[in-house]
C-alpha atoms as a PDB file:
ATOM      1  CA  UNK A   1     -27.716 -28.944  -3.177  1.00  0.00           C
ATOM      2  CA  UNK A   2     -25.647 -26.808  -0.839  1.00  0.00           C
ATOM      3  CA  UNK A   3     -22.242 -27.528   0.533  1.00  0.00           C
ATOM      4  CA  UNK A   4     -21.226 -27.413   4.188  1.00  0.00           C
ATOM      5  CA  UNK A   5     -17.823 -27.860   5.736  1.00  0.00           C
ATOM      6  CA  UNK A   6     -16.900 -29.597   8.913  1.00  0.00           C
ATOM      7  CA  UNK A   7     -15.217 -27.487  11.582  1.00  0.00           C
ATOM      8  CA  UNK A   8     -12.443 -29.883  12.529  1.00  0.00           C
ATOM      9  CA  UNK A   9     -10.879 -30.808   9.235  1.00  0.00           C
ATOM     10  CA  UNK A  10     -12.337 -28.324   6.772  1.00  0.00           C
ATOM     11  CA  UNK A  11     -13.640 -31.073   4.459  1.00  0.00           C
ATOM     12  CA  UNK A  12     -16.557 -29.999   2.331  1.00  0.00           C
ATOM     13  CA  UNK A  13     -19.614 -32.183   1.933  1.00  0.00           C
ATOM     14  CA  UNK A  14     -22.703 -31.779  -0.187  1.00  0.00           C
ATOM     15  CA  UNK A  15     -26.000 -32.452   1.571  1.00  0.00           C
ATOM     16  CA  UNK A  16     -29.521 -31.451   0.714  1.00  0.00           C
ATOM     17  CA  UNK A  17     -31.804 -30.212   3.451  1.00  0.00           C
ATOM     18  CA  UNK A  18     -34.010 -33.238   2.754  1.00  0.00           C
ATOM     19  CA  UNK A  19     -31.162 -35.616   3.511  1.00  0.00           C
ATOM     20  CA  UNK A  20     -30.256 -33.616   6.650  1.00  0.00           C
ATOM     21  CA  UNK A  21     -33.863 -33.786   7.917  1.00  0.00           C
ATOM     22  CA  UNK A  22     -33.949 -37.550   7.297  1.00  0.00           C
ATOM     23  CA  UNK A  23     -30.758 -38.038   9.308  1.00  0.00           C
ATOM     24  CA  UNK A  24     -32.035 -35.876  12.168  1.00  0.00           C
ATOM     25  CA  UNK A  25     -35.383 -37.723  12.188  1.00  0.00           C
ATOM     26  CA  UNK A  26     -33.598 -41.107  12.184  1.00  0.00           C
ATOM     27  CA  UNK A  27     -31.482 -39.990  15.153  1.00  0.00           C
ATOM     28  CA  UNK A  28     -34.683 -38.936  16.896  1.00  0.00           C
ATOM     29  CA  UNK A  29     -36.340 -42.302  16.334  1.00  0.00           C
ATOM     30  CA  UNK A  30     -33.286 -44.373  17.323  1.00  0.00           C
ATOM     31  CA  UNK A  31     -32.794 -42.381  20.558  1.00  0.00           C
ATOM     32  CA  UNK A  32     -36.488 -42.088  21.453  1.00  0.00           C
ATOM     33  CA  UNK A  33     -36.454 -38.289  21.639  1.00  0.00           C
ATOM     34  CA  UNK A  34     -39.865 -36.529  21.750  1.00  0.00           C
ATOM     35  CA  UNK A  35     -39.367 -33.848  19.094  1.00  0.00           C
ATOM     36  CA  UNK A  36     -37.072 -32.211  16.578  1.00  0.00           C
ATOM     37  CA  UNK A  37     -36.117 -29.395  18.949  1.00  0.00           C
ATOM     38  CA  UNK A  38     -34.866 -31.852  21.591  1.00  0.00           C
ATOM     39  CA  UNK A  39     -33.146 -33.892  18.886  1.00  0.00           C
ATOM     40  CA  UNK A  40     -31.409 -30.867  17.448  1.00  0.00           C
ATOM     41  CA  UNK A  41     -30.275 -29.716  20.903  1.00  0.00           C
ATOM     42  CA  UNK A  42     -28.848 -33.164  21.738  1.00  0.00           C
ATOM     43  CA  UNK A  43     -27.180 -33.599  18.363  1.00  0.00           C
ATOM     44  CA  UNK A  44     -25.634 -30.144  18.558  1.00  0.00           C
ATOM     45  CA  UNK A  45     -24.243 -30.805  22.027  1.00  0.00           C
ATOM     46  CA  UNK A  46     -22.846 -34.190  20.985  1.00  0.00           C
ATOM     47  CA  UNK A  47     -21.385 -32.724  17.787  1.00  0.00           C
ATOM     48  CA  UNK A  48     -19.539 -30.085  19.848  1.00  0.00           C
ATOM     49  CA  UNK A  49     -18.114 -32.905  21.975  1.00  0.00           C
ATOM     50  CA  UNK A  50     -17.091 -34.753  18.784  1.00  0.00           C
ATOM     51  CA  UNK A  51     -19.354 -37.690  19.707  1.00  0.00           C
ATOM     52  CA  UNK A  52     -21.163 -38.041  16.376  1.00  0.00           C
ATOM     53  CA  UNK A  53     -20.060 -39.548  13.083  1.00  0.00           C
ATOM     54  CA  UNK A  54     -19.222 -37.000  10.408  1.00  0.00           C
ATOM     55  CA  UNK A  55     -22.415 -37.558   8.433  1.00  0.00           C
ATOM     56  CA  UNK A  56     -24.494 -36.685  11.501  1.00  0.00           C
ATOM     57  CA  UNK A  57     -22.340 -33.639  12.256  1.00  0.00           C
ATOM     58  CA  UNK A  58     -22.822 -32.385   8.710  1.00  0.00           C
ATOM     59  CA  UNK A  59     -26.577 -33.107   8.928  1.00  0.00           C
ATOM     60  CA  UNK A  60     -27.115 -31.204  12.164  1.00  0.00           C
ATOM     61  CA  UNK A  61     -25.080 -28.229  10.972  1.00  0.00           C
ATOM     62  CA  UNK A  62     -27.101 -28.111   7.713  1.00  0.00           C
ATOM     63  CA  UNK A  63     -30.357 -28.572   9.595  1.00  0.00           C
ATOM     64  CA  UNK A  64     -29.635 -25.830  12.123  1.00  0.00           C
ATOM     65  CA  UNK A  65     -28.314 -23.417   9.490  1.00  0.00           C
ATOM     66  CA  UNK A  66     -31.354 -23.787   7.223  1.00  0.00           C
ATOM     67  CA  UNK A  67     -33.855 -23.717  10.100  1.00  0.00           C
ATOM     68  CA  UNK A  68     -32.310 -20.534  11.535  1.00  0.00           C
ATOM     69  CA  UNK A  69     -32.645 -18.881   8.142  1.00  0.00           C
ATOM     70  CA  UNK A  70     -36.251 -20.008   7.911  1.00  0.00           C
ATOM     71  CA  UNK A  71     -37.114 -18.391  11.240  1.00  0.00           C
ATOM     72  CA  UNK A  72     -34.792 -15.366  10.988  1.00  0.00           C
ATOM     73  CA  UNK A  73     -36.459 -11.953  10.969  1.00  0.00           C
ATOM     74  CA  UNK A  74     -36.757 -10.419   7.557  1.00  0.00           C
ATOM     75  CA  UNK A  75     -37.329  -6.951   6.288  1.00  0.00           C
ATOM     76  CA  UNK A  76     -40.968  -6.385   5.391  1.00  0.00           C
ATOM     77  CA  UNK A  77     -41.574  -6.681   1.678  1.00  0.00           C
ATOM     78  CA  UNK A  78     -43.021  -3.715  -0.026  1.00  0.00           C
ATOM     79  CA  UNK A  79     -45.659  -3.978  -2.697  1.00  0.00           C
ATOM     80  CA  UNK A  80     -45.096  -1.906  -5.770  1.00  0.00           C
ATOM     81  CA  UNK A  81     -48.323  -0.326  -6.929  1.00  0.00           C
END
């Protein structure tokens, strides 16, 4: 479980990536959005405008942080012979 802090008040919350994904997916279903990319974009925009509850703000920050690390370029691994 990793911790993430909110930008406005500096509070620290613990949230697993599994919980973050569940919250993002629930937001997607409730708002009828077609995919996770569109959902993440909308949630990020609304979080910046302070239009989301704290739990959703924490979830989208965790989701975006972990997904960016997943798709970030990495140094090629070398095989030791």
